[in-house]
Amino acid sequence: MNPINDIWKQDEVMEALKDGRNADDIRVMDCPKCSRWGYWNEGSHFSCRFCDRTWYVTSEMAEDSIALADTVTVTTDGYDNETLANP
């Protein structure tokens, strides 16, 4: 089964919103391999729901994370909240 592209519908994001967390308080980051958004709990690791890999979060990766609310304005290529590959 393919994961849902829309980061707002990811299970962890929906649970955080349901628990009353604000979209400005939920961090997401793009996977270093496939560049798709995933929920990040601001811990030391990030697991991609698309390519099933887990990454140690470096300080650079943490700085590149964004608030869930900011994903609304991210440019996409026809898929909800799917980042474009870096050229």
N, C-alpha and C. Protein backbone atom coordinates (compact mmCIF):
# COMPACT_ATOMS: atom_id res chain seq x y z
N MET A 1 0.84 -1.18 0.00
CA MET A 1 0.00 0.00 0.00
C MET A 1 0.89 1.25 0.00
N ASN A 2 0.60 2.19 -0.86
CA ASN A 2 1.36 3.42 -0.92
C ASN A 2 0.90 4.40 0.15
N PRO A 3 1.85 5.04 0.82
CA PRO A 3 1.47 6.05 1.81
C PRO A 3 0.79 7.24 1.12
N ILE A 4 -0.02 7.93 1.87
CA ILE A 4 -0.72 9.11 1.35
C ILE A 4 0.29 10.23 1.18
N ASN A 5 0.27 10.89 0.00
CA ASN A 5 1.18 12.00 -0.26
C ASN A 5 0.92 13.21 0.61
N ASP A 6 -0.31 13.45 0.97
CA ASP A 6 -0.69 14.65 1.71
C ASP A 6 -0.20 14.56 3.15
N ILE A 7 0.80 15.37 3.51
CA ILE A 7 1.39 15.32 4.85
C ILE A 7 0.34 15.59 5.93
N TRP A 8 -0.68 16.37 5.61
CA TRP A 8 -1.72 16.69 6.58
C TRP A 8 -2.55 15.45 6.94
N LYS A 9 -2.49 14.42 6.11
CA LYS A 9 -3.25 13.19 6.37
C LYS A 9 -2.39 12.07 6.91
N GLN A 10 -1.11 12.34 7.17
CA GLN A 10 -0.24 11.34 7.78
C GLN A 10 -0.74 11.07 9.19
N ASP A 11 -0.74 9.81 9.61
CA ASP A 11 -1.30 9.42 10.90
C ASP A 11 -0.75 10.23 12.07
N GLU A 12 0.57 10.40 12.13
CA GLU A 12 1.17 11.12 13.25
C GLU A 12 0.75 12.59 13.25
N VAL A 13 0.61 13.18 12.07
CA VAL A 13 0.19 14.58 11.97
C VAL A 13 -1.26 14.72 12.40
N MET A 14 -2.12 13.83 11.91
CA MET A 14 -3.53 13.88 12.28
C MET A 14 -3.71 13.70 13.79
N GLU A 15 -2.92 12.82 14.39
CA GLU A 15 -3.00 12.59 15.83
C GLU A 15 -2.54 13.84 16.60
N ALA A 16 -1.47 14.48 16.14
CA ALA A 16 -0.98 15.69 16.80
C ALA A 16 -2.02 16.81 16.72
N LEU A 17 -2.65 16.95 15.56
CA LEU A 17 -3.69 17.97 15.40
C LEU A 17 -4.90 17.65 16.29
N LYS A 18 -5.26 16.38 16.34
CA LYS A 18 -6.38 15.94 17.17
C LYS A 18 -6.11 16.20 18.65
N ASP A 19 -4.84 16.09 19.04
CA ASP A 19 -4.44 16.35 20.43
C ASP A 19 -4.40 17.84 20.75
N GLY A 20 -4.71 18.69 19.76
CA GLY A 20 -4.77 20.12 20.00
C GLY A 20 -3.52 20.89 19.64
N ARG A 21 -2.53 20.22 19.05
CA ARG A 21 -1.32 20.94 18.65
C ARG A 21 -1.61 21.80 17.44
N ASN A 22 -1.01 22.96 17.41
CA ASN A 22 -1.18 23.92 16.32
C ASN A 22 -0.28 23.52 15.16
N ALA A 23 -0.71 23.78 13.93
CA ALA A 23 0.09 23.44 12.75
C ALA A 23 1.42 24.18 12.72
N ASP A 24 1.52 25.30 13.43
CA ASP A 24 2.79 26.02 13.53
C ASP A 24 3.75 25.34 14.51
N ASP A 25 3.23 24.41 15.32
CA ASP A 25 4.01 23.73 16.34
C ASP A 25 4.41 22.31 15.93
N ILE A 26 3.98 21.85 14.76
CA ILE A 26 4.28 20.51 14.28
C ILE A 26 5.38 20.62 13.23
N ARG A 27 6.48 19.91 13.44
CA ARG A 27 7.62 19.98 12.53
C ARG A 27 7.58 18.85 11.51
N VAL A 28 7.92 19.17 10.29
CA VAL A 28 8.05 18.17 9.23
C VAL A 28 9.38 18.41 8.52
N MET A 29 9.88 17.37 7.89
CA MET A 29 11.10 17.52 7.10
C MET A 29 11.00 16.64 5.87
N ASP A 30 11.83 16.99 4.89
CA ASP A 30 11.81 16.17 3.68
C ASP A 30 12.90 15.11 3.78
N CYS A 31 12.60 13.95 3.26
CA CYS A 31 13.50 12.81 3.31
C CYS A 31 14.74 13.10 2.47
N PRO A 32 15.93 12.80 2.99
CA PRO A 32 17.15 13.00 2.23
C PRO A 32 17.23 12.14 0.97
N LYS A 33 16.46 11.05 0.92
CA LYS A 33 16.51 10.16 -0.25
C LYS A 33 15.43 10.50 -1.28
N CYS A 34 14.17 10.58 -0.84
CA CYS A 34 13.07 10.74 -1.81
C CYS A 34 12.45 12.14 -1.81
N SER A 35 12.87 13.00 -0.89
CA SER A 35 12.43 14.40 -0.81
C SER A 35 10.95 14.59 -0.51
N ARG A 36 10.29 13.59 0.06
CA ARG A 36 8.88 13.74 0.43
C ARG A 36 8.77 14.09 1.90
N TRP A 37 7.73 14.87 2.22
CA TRP A 37 7.53 15.33 3.59
C TRP A 37 7.14 14.19 4.52
N GLY A 38 7.63 14.28 5.74
CA GLY A 38 7.26 13.35 6.79
C GLY A 38 7.24 14.06 8.14
N TYR A 39 6.45 13.55 9.05
CA TYR A 39 6.36 14.09 10.41
C TYR A 39 7.68 13.84 11.13
N TRP A 40 8.14 14.85 11.85
CA TRP A 40 9.36 14.71 12.66
C TRP A 40 9.03 15.13 14.08
N ASN A 41 9.25 14.24 15.02
CA ASN A 41 8.90 14.54 16.42
C ASN A 41 10.01 15.31 17.13
N GLU A 42 10.96 15.85 16.38
CA GLU A 42 12.08 16.62 16.89
C GLU A 42 13.01 15.79 17.77
N GLY A 43 13.04 14.50 17.51
CA GLY A 43 13.98 13.62 18.19
C GLY A 43 15.27 13.51 17.40
N SER A 44 16.07 12.52 17.70
CA SER A 44 17.37 12.38 17.05
C SER A 44 17.30 11.63 15.73
N HIS A 45 16.12 11.06 15.41
CA HIS A 45 15.97 10.30 14.17
C HIS A 45 14.71 10.70 13.42
N PHE A 46 14.75 10.48 12.12
CA PHE A 46 13.61 10.75 11.24
C PHE A 46 13.40 9.51 10.39
N SER A 47 12.18 8.99 10.35
CA SER A 47 11.87 7.82 9.52
C SER A 47 10.97 8.23 8.37
N CYS A 48 11.38 7.86 7.16
CA CYS A 48 10.59 8.19 5.98
C CYS A 48 9.51 7.14 5.77
N ARG A 49 8.29 7.59 5.59
CA ARG A 49 7.16 6.68 5.39
C ARG A 49 7.08 6.19 3.95
N PHE A 50 7.86 6.77 3.04
CA PHE A 50 7.84 6.37 1.64
C PHE A 50 8.94 5.38 1.29
N CYS A 51 10.15 5.65 1.72
CA CYS A 51 11.26 4.75 1.34
C CYS A 51 11.70 3.85 2.49
N ASP A 52 10.99 3.90 3.62
CA ASP A 52 11.23 3.02 4.76
C ASP A 52 12.67 3.05 5.26
N ARG A 53 13.26 4.23 5.29
CA ARG A 53 14.61 4.39 5.83
C ARG A 53 14.55 5.32 7.03
N THR A 54 15.47 5.12 7.95
CA THR A 54 15.57 5.97 9.12
C THR A 54 16.90 6.70 9.06
N TRP A 55 16.86 7.99 9.39
CA TRP A 55 18.03 8.83 9.30
C TRP A 55 18.34 9.43 10.67
N TYR A 56 19.62 9.55 10.97
CA TYR A 56 20.06 10.32 12.13
C TYR A 56 19.91 11.78 11.74
N VAL A 57 19.27 12.59 12.55
CA VAL A 57 19.01 13.98 12.22
C VAL A 57 20.21 14.83 12.63
N THR A 58 20.88 15.38 11.63
CA THR A 58 22.00 16.28 11.88
C THR A 58 21.45 17.67 12.20
N SER A 59 22.30 18.54 12.69
CA SER A 59 21.84 19.90 12.99
C SER A 59 21.39 20.60 11.72
N GLU A 60 22.03 20.31 10.58
CA GLU A 60 21.62 20.90 9.31
C GLU A 60 20.22 20.44 8.91
N MET A 61 19.94 19.15 9.07
CA MET A 61 18.61 18.63 8.76
C MET A 61 17.57 19.28 9.67
N ALA A 62 17.89 19.43 10.95
CA ALA A 62 16.95 20.04 11.89
C ALA A 62 16.65 21.48 11.49
N GLU A 63 17.67 22.21 11.04
CA GLU A 63 17.47 23.59 10.61
C GLU A 63 16.61 23.67 9.36
N ASP A 64 16.65 22.62 8.53
CA ASP A 64 15.86 22.60 7.30
C ASP A 64 14.42 22.14 7.51
N SER A 65 14.10 21.68 8.72
CA SER A 65 12.72 21.28 8.99
C SER A 65 11.84 22.52 8.98
N ILE A 66 10.57 22.32 8.68
CA ILE A 66 9.64 23.45 8.65
C ILE A 66 8.39 23.11 9.44
N ALA A 67 7.60 24.11 9.73
CA ALA A 67 6.33 23.89 10.41
C ALA A 67 5.32 23.31 9.42
N LEU A 68 4.45 22.48 9.92
CA LEU A 68 3.40 21.90 9.08
C LEU A 68 2.63 23.00 8.35
N ALA A 69 2.37 24.09 9.04
CA ALA A 69 1.62 25.21 8.43
C ALA A 69 2.32 25.74 7.19
N ASP A 70 3.65 25.67 7.15
CA ASP A 70 4.40 26.18 6.00
C ASP A 70 4.29 25.30 4.77
N THR A 71 3.82 24.05 4.92
CA THR A 71 3.71 23.17 3.76
C THR A 71 2.59 23.60 2.82
N VAL A 72 1.70 24.42 3.29
CA VAL A 72 0.59 24.89 2.45
C VAL A 72 1.12 25.69 1.27
N THR A 73 2.23 26.38 1.45
CA THR A 73 2.77 27.24 0.39
C THR A 73 3.90 26.60 -0.40
N VAL A 74 4.21 25.33 -0.13
CA VAL A 74 5.30 24.66 -0.84
C VAL A 74 4.87 24.35 -2.27
N THR A 75 5.74 24.66 -3.22
CA THR A 75 5.45 24.36 -4.62
C THR A 75 5.47 22.85 -4.83
N THR A 76 4.45 22.35 -5.53
CA THR A 76 4.39 20.91 -5.80
C THR A 76 4.33 20.67 -7.30
N ASP A 77 4.49 19.43 -7.67
CA ASP A 77 4.43 19.04 -9.07
C ASP A 77 3.25 18.10 -9.29
N GLY A 78 2.07 18.54 -8.85
CA GLY A 78 0.87 17.76 -9.08
C GLY A 78 0.49 16.80 -7.97
N TYR A 79 1.26 16.74 -6.89
CA TYR A 79 0.96 15.86 -5.78
C TYR A 79 0.88 16.69 -4.51
N ASP A 80 -0.09 16.40 -3.67
CA ASP A 80 -0.24 17.14 -2.42
C ASP A 80 1.02 17.04 -1.58
N ASN A 81 1.58 18.19 -1.25
CA ASN A 81 2.70 18.27 -0.32
C ASN A 81 3.87 17.36 -0.65
N GLU A 82 4.13 17.13 -1.91
CA GLU A 82 5.29 16.35 -2.31
C GLU A 82 6.33 17.33 -2.83
N THR A 83 7.48 17.37 -2.23
CA THR A 83 8.49 18.34 -2.63
C THR A 83 9.10 17.97 -3.96
N LEU A 84 9.54 18.98 -4.67
CA LEU A 84 10.24 18.75 -5.92
C LEU A 84 11.67 18.30 -5.62
N ALA A 85 12.20 17.48 -6.47
CA ALA A 85 13.60 17.04 -6.30
C ALA A 85 14.52 18.24 -6.48
N ASN A 86 15.56 18.30 -5.69
CA ASN A 86 16.53 19.38 -5.83
C ASN A 86 17.33 19.18 -7.11
N PRO A 87 17.48 20.27 -7.91
CA PRO A 87 18.24 20.11 -9.17
C PRO A 87 19.71 19.86 -8.93
